[in-house]
Amino acid sequence: MTKIIATTPFLDQKPGTSGLRKKVRVFQQPHYLENFVQSIFDSITIPSGATLTLGGDGRFYNRVAIQTIIKMAAANGFSCVLVGQGGILSTPAASHLIRKYQTLGGIILSASHNPAGPSDDFGIKYNTANGGPAPEKITEAIFAKSKVISEYKTANFVDIDIGTLGETKRDGLTVKVIDPVVDYADLMTSMFDFDAIKSLLKSGFSMKFDAMHAVTGPYAKELFLSRLGAAENCLMNCEVSETFGGGHPDPNLTYAHELVEILYGKNAPDFGAASDGDGDRNMILGKNFFVTPSDSLAIIAANAKLISAYSNGLAGVARSMPTSGAVDRVAKKLHIPCFETPTGWKFFGNLMDADKVTLCGEESFGTGSNHVREKDGLWAVLCWLNIIAAKNMSVEAIVKTHWAEYGRNIYSRHDYEAISAVLANGVIAHIKVQFATLPNKIFGKYTIKTCDDFSYTDPIDGSVSTAQGIRILFDDGSRIVFRLSGTGTEGATLRIYLEAFEPDVSKHHLDAQVALREMIQVALEISQLKQRTGREKPTVIT
């Protein structure tokens, strides 16, 4: 073991549950990655015989970081490291491996849906033994350690061949290079009616899945081609690229435009789906039809008993505060609890560990269940295929039938990306100043009832989370939410969420942007976003 003096100034921000995300060049600074990894190891107790799960989304710098972490794991007392072949592990697959093999936790190398390459983004996070993102007490401890770190521990041995399956022993450490796909694929096979989905795919039903040159490519090949017998042309962009093909692997209508054009073009397939950089997000499309993530969560919950894994029903559901209330209506009818949490999968993890909820979701294209402790893109795709096979209906028909029964929560999110943090915080501060004067104010057909900055007391651990997003609530149940997102590495992303409930079936055909047009103008008037940031339109609309 070698101890090396850590001289590089360290973190300028606390890592969140999504870990630490910076430009590659930041991680390439001498000692920077090592300092963070040592801070993780110093913040947990590593017992004798401990195993670490390790892998990432295949982006640039992934393999280099893995070699560094393996050597540091050896020096810090781990007995074994499970690493995905080629350094590949999707985030939900990593969560499953942690839980299945009862490892101490895992280090996942990903910046999620952010672009990849020498000039782009890299990320690293620690997941605990339950398979979920580290809770705040651990991320705070990591941050504190990083401020006082004086040395890190590493072993001095040649790089491990992570491209070949098998075991290698170095300095008392066993490195097991494992198939990154098979355990996860076995889990999916156990949860869904693969025979029904096979029959659907053989019946003439057509689909297109876009891995966006990211980590789900190998998983999609195993699931759709090898296990479900789909035609090879149902997959696109399934070769993992260190730069994600030069694209932005965020599965939404803007960045997954290649798939969107296919589903809205001539001879469109019946079903389309995409997943993101690390495999935890999803987008669902029908022929000429987009399913909002909020509706997707509600529809999966409403039809869960059609899926083998949930045939006995759901313990409860949970959604992040910015996600629409569509799933709330399903929960009410099913007589099960529905929890509204801040954004962040750790809140769902607490509820799932306590057996309070089975399904959960965020409006940012993340949906999941208690099979792992992360959101799971391919799981959501299989949910939809299973439901389609059971109901023998198109995507559009399933959604519109759901709206007819529950009403439609017309919903949209407007993202203003890479705004100066100063300007973005200025917009939020400007809205907060108006809290005393906004209630009872009338904007056209909308009258404001209340406004607040959402806070949450965790029913499991009692922790309190404040300043989770500004809510403008109207007297008819409609709402506008303003929230700053921390998923980028440059500036800030300001998100505006707009929601209006429409019970009238005759109006369910309206395009969301048309139906919400007046509310969009109210949001811009209250926030003065254009005047304060100079932005004329959102970067992304979903």
Protein backbone atom coordinates (compact mmCIF):
# COMPACT_ATOMS: atom_id res chain seq x y z
CA MET A 1 0.00 0.00 0.00
CA THR A 2 1.18 3.51 -0.83
CA LYS A 3 0.07 6.69 0.92
CA ILE A 4 0.16 9.77 -1.28
CA ILE A 5 -0.08 13.35 -0.10
CA ALA A 6 -3.23 14.94 -1.44
CA THR A 7 -2.30 18.47 -2.45
CA THR A 8 -5.03 19.46 -4.90
CA PRO A 9 -7.71 21.84 -3.54
CA PHE A 10 -10.86 19.78 -3.40
CA LEU A 11 -14.61 20.12 -3.72
CA ASP A 12 -16.23 23.48 -4.25
CA GLN A 13 -19.68 21.95 -3.76
CA LYS A 14 -21.27 19.16 -1.78
CA PRO A 15 -21.99 16.06 -3.86
CA GLY A 16 -25.68 15.23 -4.02
CA THR A 17 -27.38 11.86 -4.19
CA SER A 18 -26.53 11.89 -7.89
CA GLY A 19 -22.89 12.18 -6.87
CA LEU A 20 -20.22 14.54 -8.07
CA ARG A 21 -20.43 15.78 -11.68
CA LYS A 22 -17.73 17.88 -13.27
CA LYS A 23 -15.98 18.31 -16.58
CA VAL A 24 -13.53 15.52 -17.41
CA ARG A 25 -10.65 17.96 -17.19
CA VAL A 26 -11.51 18.59 -13.53
CA PHE A 27 -11.33 14.88 -12.70
CA GLN A 28 -8.06 14.65 -14.64
CA GLN A 29 -6.35 17.07 -12.26
CA PRO A 30 -3.66 15.35 -10.15
CA HIS A 31 -5.21 13.66 -7.10
CA TYR A 32 -8.75 14.99 -7.73
CA LEU A 33 -10.48 11.65 -8.37
CA GLU A 34 -8.36 9.98 -5.71
CA ASN A 35 -9.30 12.58 -3.12
CA PHE A 36 -12.99 12.03 -3.71
CA VAL A 37 -12.71 8.22 -3.63
CA GLN A 38 -10.68 8.35 -0.41
CA SER A 39 -13.27 10.67 1.09
CA ILE A 40 -15.93 8.04 0.29
CA PHE A 41 -13.89 5.26 1.87
CA ASP A 42 -13.14 7.41 4.93
CA SER A 43 -16.88 8.08 5.38
CA ILE A 44 -17.92 4.41 5.64
CA THR A 45 -16.85 1.49 7.78
CA ILE A 46 -15.17 -1.21 5.67
CA PRO A 47 -15.43 -4.56 7.49
CA SER A 48 -13.20 -7.54 6.86
CA GLY A 49 -14.23 -9.44 3.73
CA ALA A 50 -16.10 -6.48 2.21
CA THR A 51 -16.98 -6.42 -1.50
CA LEU A 52 -17.39 -3.31 -3.66
CA THR A 53 -19.52 -3.17 -6.82
CA LEU A 54 -17.94 -1.03 -9.54
CA GLY A 55 -18.88 0.06 -13.06
CA GLY A 56 -20.23 2.87 -15.16
CA ASP A 57 -21.99 4.03 -18.28
CA GLY A 58 -19.00 3.63 -20.60
CA ARG A 59 -18.33 7.33 -21.09
CA PHE A 60 -14.85 8.80 -21.66
CA TYR A 61 -12.54 8.39 -18.63
CA ASN A 62 -14.60 5.45 -17.31
CA ARG A 63 -11.86 2.84 -17.74
CA VAL A 64 -9.12 5.06 -16.34
CA ALA A 65 -11.17 5.83 -13.23
CA ILE A 66 -11.98 2.16 -12.68
CA GLN A 67 -8.28 1.21 -12.53
CA THR A 68 -7.67 3.97 -9.97
CA ILE A 69 -10.61 2.86 -7.82
CA ILE A 70 -9.60 -0.83 -7.90
CA LYS A 71 -6.13 0.02 -6.56
CA MET A 72 -7.56 2.28 -3.89
CA ALA A 73 -10.09 -0.41 -2.88
CA ALA A 74 -7.19 -2.82 -2.32
CA ALA A 75 -5.31 -0.30 -0.17
CA ASN A 76 -8.40 0.56 1.88
CA GLY A 77 -9.19 -2.97 2.97
CA PHE A 78 -11.73 -4.35 0.51
CA SER A 79 -11.40 -8.07 -0.15
CA CYS A 80 -13.20 -8.12 -3.48
CA VAL A 81 -14.34 -5.83 -6.28
CA LEU A 82 -17.13 -6.86 -8.67
CA VAL A 83 -16.61 -4.93 -11.89
CA GLY A 84 -18.70 -5.08 -15.04
CA GLN A 85 -16.85 -6.35 -18.10
CA GLY A 86 -15.32 -3.44 -19.97
CA GLY A 87 -16.23 -1.22 -17.02
CA ILE A 88 -19.91 -1.34 -18.05
CA LEU A 89 -22.78 -1.33 -15.53
CA SER A 90 -26.05 0.50 -15.93
CA THR A 91 -27.17 2.28 -12.78
CA PRO A 92 -30.18 -0.01 -12.16
CA ALA A 93 -28.02 -3.08 -12.88
CA ALA A 94 -25.45 -1.87 -10.36
CA SER A 95 -28.20 -1.41 -7.77
CA HIS A 96 -29.39 -4.96 -8.43
CA LEU A 97 -25.87 -6.41 -8.09
CA ILE A 98 -25.35 -4.62 -4.77
CA ARG A 99 -28.57 -6.11 -3.45
CA LYS A 100 -28.22 -9.59 -4.97
CA TYR A 101 -24.63 -10.18 -3.85
CA GLN A 102 -24.98 -8.15 -0.63
CA THR A 103 -21.94 -6.01 -1.34
CA LEU A 104 -20.98 -3.15 0.96
CA GLY A 105 -22.15 -0.76 -1.72
CA GLY A 106 -21.05 0.39 -5.11
CA ILE A 107 -19.28 3.16 -6.95
CA ILE A 108 -21.07 4.12 -10.14
CA LEU A 109 -19.26 6.19 -12.75
CA SER A 110 -21.75 8.27 -14.66
CA ALA A 111 -22.94 11.78 -15.33
CA SER A 112 -26.33 10.30 -16.24
CA HIS A 113 -27.88 12.02 -19.27
CA ASN A 114 -25.08 14.62 -19.70
CA PRO A 115 -22.88 14.58 -22.82
CA ALA A 116 -19.60 12.63 -22.77
CA GLY A 117 -16.12 13.13 -24.20
CA PRO A 118 -12.75 14.70 -23.37
CA SER A 119 -14.32 18.17 -23.15
CA ASP A 120 -17.60 17.05 -21.62
CA ASP A 121 -18.84 15.54 -18.37
CA PHE A 122 -17.89 12.81 -15.93
CA GLY A 123 -19.47 11.75 -12.68
CA ILE A 124 -19.03 9.46 -9.71
CA LYS A 125 -21.37 8.47 -6.90
CA TYR A 126 -21.55 6.01 -4.03
CA ASN A 127 -24.57 3.74 -3.53
CA THR A 128 -25.06 2.12 -0.15
CA ALA A 129 -25.73 -1.53 0.74
CA ASN A 130 -29.47 -1.18 0.00
CA GLY A 131 -28.55 -0.42 -3.61
CA GLY A 132 -29.67 3.18 -3.46
CA PRO A 133 -27.91 6.55 -3.61
CA ALA A 134 -26.04 7.56 -0.48
CA PRO A 135 -28.28 9.50 1.92
CA GLU A 136 -27.50 13.06 2.86
CA LYS A 137 -25.67 12.14 6.07
CA ILE A 138 -23.12 10.21 3.99
CA THR A 139 -22.76 12.85 1.26
CA GLU A 140 -22.26 15.46 3.97
CA ALA A 141 -19.59 13.27 5.58
CA ILE A 142 -17.84 12.84 2.21
CA PHE A 143 -17.88 16.59 1.69
CA ALA A 144 -16.47 17.22 5.16
CA LYS A 145 -13.70 14.64 4.67
CA SER A 146 -12.75 16.20 1.35
CA LYS A 147 -12.06 19.50 3.06
CA VAL A 148 -9.47 18.09 5.44
CA ILE A 149 -7.99 15.19 3.48
CA SER A 150 -4.21 15.07 3.64
CA GLU A 151 -3.45 11.74 1.99
CA TYR A 152 -5.02 8.87 0.12
CA LYS A 153 -4.21 5.17 0.00
CA THR A 154 -3.51 3.25 -3.16
CA ALA A 155 -1.88 -0.03 -4.16
CA ASN A 156 0.97 -0.28 -6.61
CA PHE A 157 0.18 -3.00 -9.13
CA VAL A 158 -0.34 -3.18 -12.88
CA ASP A 159 -3.76 -2.43 -14.32
CA ILE A 160 -6.34 -5.21 -14.21
CA ASP A 161 -7.68 -6.63 -17.48
CA ILE A 162 -11.33 -5.63 -17.14
CA GLY A 163 -12.15 -6.71 -20.69
CA THR A 164 -12.03 -10.44 -19.92
CA LEU A 165 -14.43 -12.33 -17.65
CA GLY A 166 -12.77 -14.00 -14.68
CA GLU A 167 -10.89 -13.41 -11.44
CA THR A 168 -7.58 -11.69 -10.80
CA LYS A 169 -5.84 -11.47 -7.41
CA ARG A 170 -3.62 -8.54 -6.47
CA ASP A 171 -2.30 -7.56 -3.02
CA GLY A 172 -4.99 -9.50 -1.17
CA LEU A 173 -7.77 -8.17 -3.42
CA THR A 174 -9.86 -10.36 -5.71
CA VAL A 175 -11.17 -8.56 -8.78
CA LYS A 176 -14.09 -10.39 -10.37
CA VAL A 177 -14.89 -9.21 -13.89
CA ILE A 178 -18.51 -10.23 -14.42
CA ASP A 179 -21.03 -10.15 -17.23
CA PRO A 180 -22.71 -6.77 -16.70
CA VAL A 181 -25.98 -7.85 -18.30
CA VAL A 182 -26.98 -11.37 -17.28
CA ASP A 183 -28.00 -10.80 -13.64
CA TYR A 184 -30.15 -7.82 -14.58
CA ALA A 185 -31.69 -9.65 -17.56
CA ASP A 186 -32.52 -12.62 -15.31
CA LEU A 187 -34.29 -10.24 -12.91
CA MET A 188 -36.37 -8.73 -15.72
CA THR A 189 -37.27 -12.21 -17.01
CA SER A 190 -38.56 -13.12 -13.54
CA MET A 191 -40.74 -10.01 -13.29
CA PHE A 192 -42.56 -9.89 -16.62
CA ASP A 193 -44.60 -12.22 -18.82
CA PHE A 194 -41.97 -12.74 -21.49
CA ASP A 195 -44.15 -15.30 -23.29
CA ALA A 196 -46.89 -12.71 -23.75
CA ILE A 197 -44.39 -10.09 -24.95
CA LYS A 198 -42.84 -12.63 -27.34
CA SER A 199 -46.28 -13.35 -28.80
CA LEU A 200 -46.91 -9.62 -29.17
CA LEU A 201 -43.65 -9.12 -31.07
CA LYS A 202 -44.42 -12.10 -33.33
CA SER A 203 -47.93 -10.83 -34.11
CA GLY A 204 -46.76 -8.04 -36.39
CA PHE A 205 -46.44 -5.48 -33.61
CA SER A 206 -43.44 -3.27 -34.36
CA MET A 207 -41.15 -1.38 -32.00
CA LYS A 208 -38.02 0.74 -31.99
CA PHE A 209 -35.71 1.16 -29.00
CA ASP A 210 -33.00 3.83 -28.98
CA ALA A 211 -30.09 3.29 -26.56
CA MET A 212 -28.64 6.66 -27.66
CA HIS A 213 -25.13 5.12 -27.97
CA ALA A 214 -25.15 4.65 -24.20
CA VAL A 215 -25.07 1.91 -21.60
CA THR A 216 -28.42 0.18 -22.27
CA GLY A 217 -27.29 -1.06 -25.69
CA PRO A 218 -25.92 -4.42 -24.45
CA TYR A 219 -28.91 -4.86 -22.12
CA ALA A 220 -31.37 -4.18 -24.94
CA LYS A 221 -29.66 -6.72 -27.20
CA GLU A 222 -29.92 -9.42 -24.53
CA LEU A 223 -33.50 -8.64 -23.57
CA PHE A 224 -35.14 -7.81 -26.89
CA LEU A 225 -33.13 -9.91 -29.32
CA SER A 226 -31.92 -12.92 -27.33
CA ARG A 227 -34.75 -13.37 -24.84
CA LEU A 228 -37.78 -11.87 -26.57
CA GLY A 229 -36.94 -12.78 -30.15
CA ALA A 230 -37.45 -9.31 -31.59
CA ALA A 231 -36.07 -8.44 -35.00
CA GLU A 232 -32.62 -6.86 -34.94
CA ASN A 233 -33.93 -3.74 -36.68
CA CYS A 234 -36.03 -2.92 -33.60
CA LEU A 235 -32.86 -1.53 -31.99
CA MET A 236 -30.94 1.60 -32.85
CA ASN A 237 -27.76 3.23 -31.50
CA CYS A 238 -26.98 0.22 -29.31
CA GLU A 239 -23.18 0.27 -29.50
CA VAL A 240 -21.75 1.90 -26.38
CA SER A 241 -19.63 4.92 -27.31
CA GLU A 242 -17.24 6.84 -25.03
CA THR A 243 -18.78 10.01 -26.47
CA PHE A 244 -22.34 8.65 -26.81
CA GLY A 245 -21.98 9.14 -30.53
CA GLY A 246 -21.42 12.85 -30.01
CA GLY A 247 -25.02 13.22 -28.85
CA HIS A 248 -26.84 14.21 -25.69
CA PRO A 249 -28.20 10.96 -24.18
CA ASP A 250 -31.28 12.48 -22.57
CA PRO A 251 -34.44 10.64 -23.69
CA ASN A 252 -36.78 13.51 -24.41
CA LEU A 253 -38.45 14.99 -27.48
CA THR A 254 -35.53 17.33 -28.14
CA TYR A 255 -32.44 15.15 -27.70
CA ALA A 256 -33.96 11.85 -28.88
CA HIS A 257 -35.11 13.56 -32.08
CA GLU A 258 -33.94 10.69 -34.30
CA LEU A 259 -36.37 8.30 -32.60
CA VAL A 260 -39.12 10.94 -32.47
CA GLU A 261 -38.86 11.47 -36.24
CA ILE A 262 -39.28 7.73 -36.80
CA LEU A 263 -42.36 7.47 -34.53
CA TYR A 264 -43.94 10.55 -36.13
CA GLY A 265 -42.96 9.64 -39.69
CA LYS A 266 -44.35 7.46 -42.44
CA ASN A 267 -44.70 3.76 -41.63
CA ALA A 268 -44.08 4.51 -37.96
CA PRO A 269 -43.71 1.50 -35.64
CA ASP A 270 -46.37 0.82 -33.03
CA PHE A 271 -44.11 1.53 -30.07
CA GLY A 272 -40.97 3.53 -29.40
CA ALA A 273 -38.77 3.98 -26.37
CA ALA A 274 -35.40 5.42 -25.42
CA SER A 275 -33.14 5.35 -22.40
CA ASP A 276 -30.38 7.66 -21.21
CA GLY A 277 -26.64 7.58 -20.57
CA ASP A 278 -26.65 5.35 -17.50
CA GLY A 279 -29.91 3.52 -18.16
CA ASP A 280 -32.14 4.90 -15.42
CA ARG A 281 -34.44 7.15 -17.50
CA ASN A 282 -36.96 6.36 -20.20
CA MET A 283 -39.18 7.93 -22.82
CA ILE A 284 -42.28 6.14 -24.12
CA LEU A 285 -43.82 6.85 -27.52
CA GLY A 286 -46.67 5.42 -29.52
CA LYS A 287 -47.34 5.91 -33.20
CA ASN A 288 -47.52 9.71 -33.53
CA PHE A 289 -48.02 9.91 -29.77
CA PHE A 290 -45.88 10.98 -26.78
CA VAL A 291 -46.53 9.71 -23.25
CA THR A 292 -45.55 12.16 -20.54
CA PRO A 293 -43.50 10.61 -17.70
CA SER A 294 -46.23 11.61 -15.24
CA ASP A 295 -48.89 9.78 -17.25
CA SER A 296 -46.56 6.81 -17.70
CA LEU A 297 -46.21 6.39 -13.93
CA ALA A 298 -49.98 6.64 -13.45
CA ILE A 299 -50.76 4.15 -16.22
CA ILE A 300 -48.22 1.60 -14.96
CA ALA A 301 -49.74 1.91 -11.48
CA ALA A 302 -53.30 1.56 -12.78
CA ASN A 303 -52.38 -1.58 -14.75
CA ALA A 304 -49.79 -3.06 -12.39
CA LYS A 305 -51.79 -6.23 -11.71
CA LEU A 306 -51.31 -7.18 -15.37
CA ILE A 307 -47.58 -7.52 -14.65
CA SER A 308 -46.44 -10.73 -12.95
CA ALA A 309 -44.28 -9.02 -10.32
CA TYR A 310 -47.23 -6.88 -9.13
CA SER A 311 -50.10 -9.31 -9.57
CA ASN A 312 -50.89 -9.10 -5.84
CA GLY A 313 -51.23 -5.32 -5.98
CA LEU A 314 -49.19 -2.35 -4.79
CA ALA A 315 -48.28 -1.33 -1.25
CA GLY A 316 -48.34 2.31 -2.29
CA VAL A 317 -46.97 4.79 -4.81
CA ALA A 318 -44.77 7.87 -4.58
CA ARG A 319 -43.96 10.77 -6.87
CA SER A 320 -41.66 13.74 -6.70
CA MET A 321 -43.38 17.06 -6.00
CA PRO A 322 -42.92 18.46 -9.55
CA THR A 323 -44.50 15.32 -11.06
CA SER A 324 -48.16 15.69 -11.96
CA GLY A 325 -50.92 14.43 -9.69
CA ALA A 326 -52.08 11.82 -12.22
CA VAL A 327 -50.83 8.93 -10.08
CA ASP A 328 -52.59 10.42 -7.02
CA ARG A 329 -55.93 9.76 -8.72
CA VAL A 330 -54.97 6.15 -9.37
CA ALA A 331 -53.87 5.66 -5.76
CA LYS A 332 -57.16 7.06 -4.50
CA LYS A 333 -59.15 4.60 -6.59
CA LEU A 334 -56.92 1.69 -5.54
CA HIS A 335 -57.17 2.77 -1.87
CA ILE A 336 -53.40 2.80 -1.45
CA PRO A 337 -51.17 5.57 -0.04
CA CYS A 338 -49.53 8.12 -2.31
CA PHE A 339 -46.47 10.05 -1.12
CA GLU A 340 -45.28 13.40 -2.49
CA THR A 341 -41.52 13.79 -1.97
CA PRO A 342 -38.75 16.15 -3.02
CA THR A 343 -36.85 15.31 -6.19
CA GLY A 344 -34.23 12.65 -5.46
CA TRP A 345 -34.41 8.87 -5.47
CA LYS A 346 -33.18 8.57 -1.86
CA PHE A 347 -36.63 9.65 -0.65
CA PHE A 348 -38.25 6.81 -2.57
CA GLY A 349 -35.61 4.41 -1.26
CA ASN A 350 -36.55 5.16 2.33
CA LEU A 351 -40.22 4.48 1.56
CA MET A 352 -39.44 1.26 -0.32
CA ASP A 353 -37.13 -0.03 2.43
CA ALA A 354 -40.00 0.50 4.86
CA ASP A 355 -42.42 -1.34 2.50
CA LYS A 356 -44.56 1.76 2.16
CA VAL A 357 -44.47 1.95 -1.65
CA THR A 358 -43.98 -0.36 -4.61
CA LEU A 359 -43.89 2.06 -7.57
CA CYS A 360 -42.44 5.54 -7.78
CA GLY A 361 -41.51 8.12 -10.37
CA GLU A 362 -40.24 11.55 -11.27
CA GLU A 363 -41.37 13.78 -14.10
CA SER A 364 -37.78 13.90 -15.37
CA PHE A 365 -38.30 10.61 -17.25
CA GLY A 366 -37.47 8.41 -14.26
CA THR A 367 -39.74 5.55 -13.18
CA GLY A 368 -39.02 2.56 -10.97
CA SER A 369 -40.16 0.05 -8.40
CA ASN A 370 -38.89 -1.79 -5.36
CA HIS A 371 -36.98 -4.36 -7.46
CA VAL A 372 -33.97 -2.01 -7.18
CA ARG A 373 -33.29 1.29 -5.44
CA GLU A 374 -32.79 3.37 -8.58
CA LYS A 375 -35.04 4.43 -11.39
CA ASP A 376 -34.91 1.95 -14.26
CA GLY A 377 -35.40 2.77 -17.93
CA LEU A 378 -35.59 -0.71 -19.45
CA TRP A 379 -37.89 -1.90 -16.66
CA ALA A 380 -40.33 0.87 -17.62
CA VAL A 381 -40.15 -0.16 -21.29
CA LEU A 382 -40.93 -3.76 -20.35
CA CYS A 383 -43.84 -2.57 -18.19
CA TRP A 384 -45.36 -0.92 -21.23
CA LEU A 385 -44.79 -3.91 -23.50
CA ASN A 386 -46.36 -6.20 -20.91
CA ILE A 387 -49.40 -3.91 -20.53
CA ILE A 388 -49.80 -3.58 -24.31
CA ALA A 389 -49.63 -7.37 -24.68
CA ALA A 390 -52.22 -7.91 -21.92
CA LYS A 391 -54.68 -5.23 -23.10
CA ASN A 392 -54.13 -5.67 -26.85
CA MET A 393 -54.40 -1.91 -27.32
CA SER A 394 -52.17 0.74 -28.87
CA VAL A 395 -50.17 3.16 -26.75
CA GLU A 396 -52.50 6.02 -27.67
CA ALA A 397 -55.61 3.98 -26.89
CA ILE A 398 -54.24 2.94 -23.50
CA VAL A 399 -53.49 6.56 -22.58
CA LYS A 400 -56.81 7.95 -23.78
CA THR A 401 -58.74 5.18 -22.05
CA HIS A 402 -56.90 6.08 -18.86
CA TRP A 403 -57.77 9.77 -19.29
CA ALA A 404 -61.42 8.90 -19.85
CA GLU A 405 -61.49 7.04 -16.53
CA TYR A 406 -59.34 9.32 -14.38
CA GLY A 407 -59.33 12.66 -16.19
CA ARG A 408 -56.28 14.20 -17.80
CA ASN A 409 -53.60 16.08 -15.89
CA ILE A 410 -52.41 18.29 -18.75
CA TYR A 411 -48.75 18.76 -18.00
CA SER A 412 -45.55 20.21 -19.41
CA ARG A 413 -42.02 21.07 -18.31
CA HIS A 414 -40.00 23.95 -19.76
CA ASP A 415 -36.23 23.72 -19.20
CA TYR A 416 -33.97 26.75 -19.47
CA GLU A 417 -30.50 25.18 -19.47
CA ALA A 418 -27.06 26.64 -18.70
CA ILE A 419 -28.32 29.92 -17.30
CA SER A 420 -25.89 31.88 -15.19
CA ALA A 421 -26.37 30.69 -11.61
CA VAL A 422 -26.57 34.29 -10.47
CA LEU A 423 -29.39 35.08 -12.90
CA ALA A 424 -31.24 31.83 -12.17
CA ASN A 425 -31.10 32.44 -8.42
CA GLY A 426 -32.25 35.98 -9.08
CA VAL A 427 -35.41 34.68 -10.77
CA ILE A 428 -36.18 32.43 -7.80
CA ALA A 429 -35.55 35.27 -5.34
CA HIS A 430 -37.84 37.58 -7.33
CA ILE A 431 -40.68 35.05 -7.12
CA LYS A 432 -40.20 34.55 -3.39
CA VAL A 433 -40.41 38.29 -2.76
CA GLN A 434 -43.96 38.14 -4.16
CA PHE A 435 -45.22 35.42 -1.78
CA ALA A 436 -47.12 37.95 0.35
CA THR A 437 -48.86 39.62 -2.59
CA LEU A 438 -49.61 36.72 -4.96
CA PRO A 439 -52.47 34.96 -3.09
CA ASN A 440 -55.90 35.98 -4.48
CA LYS A 441 -54.26 37.71 -7.45
CA ILE A 442 -56.13 37.11 -10.71
CA PHE A 443 -54.39 36.32 -14.02
CA GLY A 444 -57.08 35.90 -16.68
CA LYS A 445 -59.02 32.75 -15.78
CA TYR A 446 -56.55 31.82 -13.06
CA THR A 447 -56.74 32.96 -9.44
CA ILE A 448 -53.80 32.18 -7.17
CA LYS A 449 -54.79 30.38 -3.97
CA THR A 450 -51.44 29.93 -2.20
CA CYS A 451 -47.71 29.89 -2.89
CA ASP A 452 -44.84 28.34 -0.95
CA ASP A 453 -41.38 26.80 -1.11
CA PHE A 454 -41.99 23.06 -0.75
CA SER A 455 -40.57 21.33 2.32
CA TYR A 456 -40.74 17.65 3.31
CA THR A 457 -40.39 15.73 6.54
CA ASP A 458 -39.34 12.16 5.77
CA PRO A 459 -41.87 9.82 7.45
CA ILE A 460 -39.19 7.15 7.84
CA ASP A 461 -36.08 8.88 9.21
CA GLY A 462 -37.58 12.21 10.27
CA SER A 463 -35.15 14.28 8.19
CA VAL A 464 -36.40 17.64 6.94
CA SER A 465 -35.74 18.92 3.42
CA THR A 466 -36.50 22.58 2.73
CA ALA A 467 -36.43 24.86 -0.35
CA GLN A 468 -37.40 22.04 -2.71
CA GLY A 469 -39.22 24.13 -5.27
CA ILE A 470 -41.62 27.05 -5.46
CA ARG A 471 -45.27 26.13 -5.87
CA ILE A 472 -47.90 28.53 -7.23
CA LEU A 473 -51.27 26.86 -6.55
CA PHE A 474 -54.48 28.08 -8.23
CA ASP A 475 -58.03 27.81 -6.92
CA ASP A 476 -59.03 25.31 -9.63
CA GLY A 477 -56.27 22.85 -8.69
CA SER A 478 -53.89 23.95 -11.43
CA ARG A 479 -50.33 24.82 -10.47
CA ILE A 480 -46.98 26.20 -11.59
CA VAL A 481 -43.72 25.00 -10.05
CA PHE A 482 -40.33 26.70 -10.38
CA ARG A 483 -37.24 24.72 -9.51
CA LEU A 484 -33.48 24.90 -10.03
CA SER A 485 -31.89 21.61 -11.11
CA GLY A 486 -28.38 20.54 -10.18
CA THR A 487 -27.84 17.85 -12.83
CA GLY A 488 -25.70 19.96 -15.15
CA THR A 489 -22.04 20.91 -14.86
CA GLU A 490 -22.27 24.44 -16.23
CA GLY A 491 -24.46 27.22 -14.88
CA ALA A 492 -27.95 26.30 -13.69
CA THR A 493 -31.04 24.75 -15.22
CA LEU A 494 -34.26 26.56 -14.34
CA ARG A 495 -37.33 24.39 -14.78
CA ILE A 496 -40.93 25.51 -14.97
CA TYR A 497 -43.60 22.84 -14.47
CA LEU A 498 -47.17 23.54 -15.57
CA GLU A 499 -50.21 21.44 -14.72
CA ALA A 500 -53.97 21.74 -15.19
CA PHE A 501 -56.56 19.04 -14.55
CA GLU A 502 -59.06 18.50 -17.35
CA PRO A 503 -62.01 16.15 -16.63
CA ASP A 504 -63.76 16.92 -19.95
CA VAL A 505 -63.06 14.05 -22.39
CA SER A 506 -63.88 16.32 -25.35
CA LYS A 507 -60.81 18.41 -24.52
CA HIS A 508 -58.37 15.55 -23.99
CA HIS A 509 -57.14 15.79 -27.57
CA LEU A 510 -55.62 19.24 -27.07
CA ASP A 511 -51.88 19.64 -27.39
CA ALA A 512 -50.42 20.41 -23.97
CA GLN A 513 -48.71 23.61 -25.12
CA VAL A 514 -51.99 24.88 -26.55
CA ALA A 515 -54.00 23.90 -23.49
CA LEU A 516 -51.45 25.47 -21.13
CA ARG A 517 -50.78 28.58 -23.23
CA GLU A 518 -52.36 31.03 -20.78
CA MET A 519 -50.66 29.40 -17.80
CA ILE A 520 -47.28 29.64 -19.56
CA GLN A 521 -47.78 33.39 -19.87
CA VAL A 522 -48.70 33.61 -16.18
CA ALA A 523 -45.46 31.81 -15.27
CA LEU A 524 -43.39 34.18 -17.40
CA GLU A 525 -45.17 37.23 -15.97
CA ILE A 526 -44.67 36.14 -12.35
CA SER A 527 -41.02 35.16 -12.84
CA GLN A 528 -39.97 37.88 -15.31
CA LEU A 529 -37.71 35.17 -16.69
CA LYS A 530 -37.25 36.72 -20.12
CA GLN A 531 -36.39 40.14 -18.73
CA ARG A 532 -34.03 38.77 -16.09
CA THR A 533 -32.17 36.12 -18.14
CA GLY A 534 -32.55 37.28 -21.75
CA ARG A 535 -33.93 33.86 -22.70
CA GLU A 536 -36.70 34.06 -25.27
CA LYS A 537 -37.66 30.38 -25.18
CA PRO A 538 -36.89 27.16 -23.31
CA THR A 539 -34.00 24.89 -24.30
CA VAL A 540 -36.25 21.82 -23.96
CA ILE A 541 -40.03 21.45 -23.76
CA THR A 542 -41.57 18.16 -22.63
